[in-house]
Amino acid sequence: MTPTTSHVQTKVLSLRVESELFDRLGEHAAKRGMTIQDYVLSRLVRDDFDERFRTAVEETQRFYGEPDHN
């Protein structure tokens, strides 16, 4: 069996955040045993998934003519 490698291209995002928000993010991250960077990234990924899922549900409802329950 030949091992496969995947090459993921990455980019850097730098943010300037007020210190109070940064501290709150740090508290949320610490509760989950995460770094602030990992916590913020997980929130962005989750929000992106939630938005894509919501859009898919809405499109399915329109396709089948079901009422929107929002």
Protein backbone atom coordinates (compact mmCIF):
# COMPACT_ATOMS: atom_id res chain seq x y z
CA MET A 1 0.00 0.00 0.00
CA THR A 2 1.39 3.38 -1.00
CA PRO A 3 0.85 6.15 1.54
CA THR A 4 -0.92 9.18 0.18
CA THR A 5 -0.15 12.72 1.10
CA SER A 6 -2.42 15.65 0.73
CA HIS A 7 -1.09 19.13 0.25
CA VAL A 8 -3.33 21.74 1.76
CA GLN A 9 -2.66 25.28 0.73
CA THR A 10 -2.86 27.72 3.62
CA LYS A 11 -2.94 31.47 3.99
CA VAL A 12 -2.45 33.77 6.96
CA LEU A 13 -5.18 35.98 8.40
CA SER A 14 -4.17 38.64 10.89
CA LEU A 15 -6.79 40.38 13.03
CA ARG A 16 -6.70 43.36 15.31
CA VAL A 17 -9.13 42.74 18.18
CA GLU A 18 -9.87 44.96 21.16
CA SER A 19 -8.36 43.57 24.33
CA GLU A 20 -11.70 42.93 26.09
CA LEU A 21 -12.93 40.74 23.21
CA PHE A 22 -9.55 39.01 23.00
CA ASP A 23 -9.75 38.20 26.72
CA ARG A 24 -13.27 36.79 26.34
CA LEU A 25 -12.14 34.67 23.39
CA GLY A 26 -9.27 33.43 25.54
CA GLU A 27 -11.69 32.42 28.30
CA HIS A 28 -13.91 30.51 25.87
CA ALA A 29 -10.88 28.81 24.34
CA ALA A 30 -9.45 27.85 27.72
CA LYS A 31 -12.74 26.21 28.77
CA ARG A 32 -12.34 23.94 25.76
CA GLY A 33 -8.61 23.38 26.16
CA MET A 34 -7.92 25.21 22.90
CA THR A 35 -5.73 28.05 21.77
CA ILE A 36 -7.49 31.28 20.85
CA GLN A 37 -6.54 30.69 17.21
CA ASP A 38 -8.03 27.20 17.19
CA TYR A 39 -11.17 28.40 18.96
CA VAL A 40 -11.76 31.24 16.49
CA LEU A 41 -11.13 28.93 13.54
CA SER A 42 -13.55 26.33 14.91
CA ARG A 43 -16.24 29.02 15.28
CA LEU A 44 -15.69 30.20 11.71
CA VAL A 45 -15.90 26.65 10.37
CA ARG A 46 -19.03 25.95 12.42
CA ASP A 47 -20.72 29.18 11.30
CA ASP A 48 -19.83 28.42 7.68
CA PHE A 49 -21.29 24.90 8.01
CA ASP A 50 -24.44 26.25 9.70
CA GLU A 51 -24.96 28.78 6.91
CA ARG A 52 -24.41 26.19 4.15
CA PHE A 53 -26.78 23.75 5.90
CA ARG A 54 -29.47 26.42 6.33
CA THR A 55 -29.17 27.34 2.65
CA ALA A 56 -29.46 23.70 1.61
CA VAL A 57 -32.61 23.25 3.73
CA GLU A 58 -34.17 26.40 2.27
CA GLU A 59 -33.37 25.30 -1.29
CA THR A 60 -34.85 21.86 -0.61
CA GLN A 61 -38.01 23.42 0.81
CA ARG A 62 -38.35 25.66 -2.24
CA PHE A 63 -37.75 22.71 -4.57
CA TYR A 64 -40.48 20.63 -2.93
CA GLY A 65 -42.75 23.62 -2.33
CA GLU A 66 -42.74 23.21 1.43
CA PRO A 67 -43.43 26.25 3.61
CA ASP A 68 -40.53 28.01 5.28
CA HIS A 69 -40.76 27.47 9.06
CA ASN A 70 -38.45 30.35 10.12
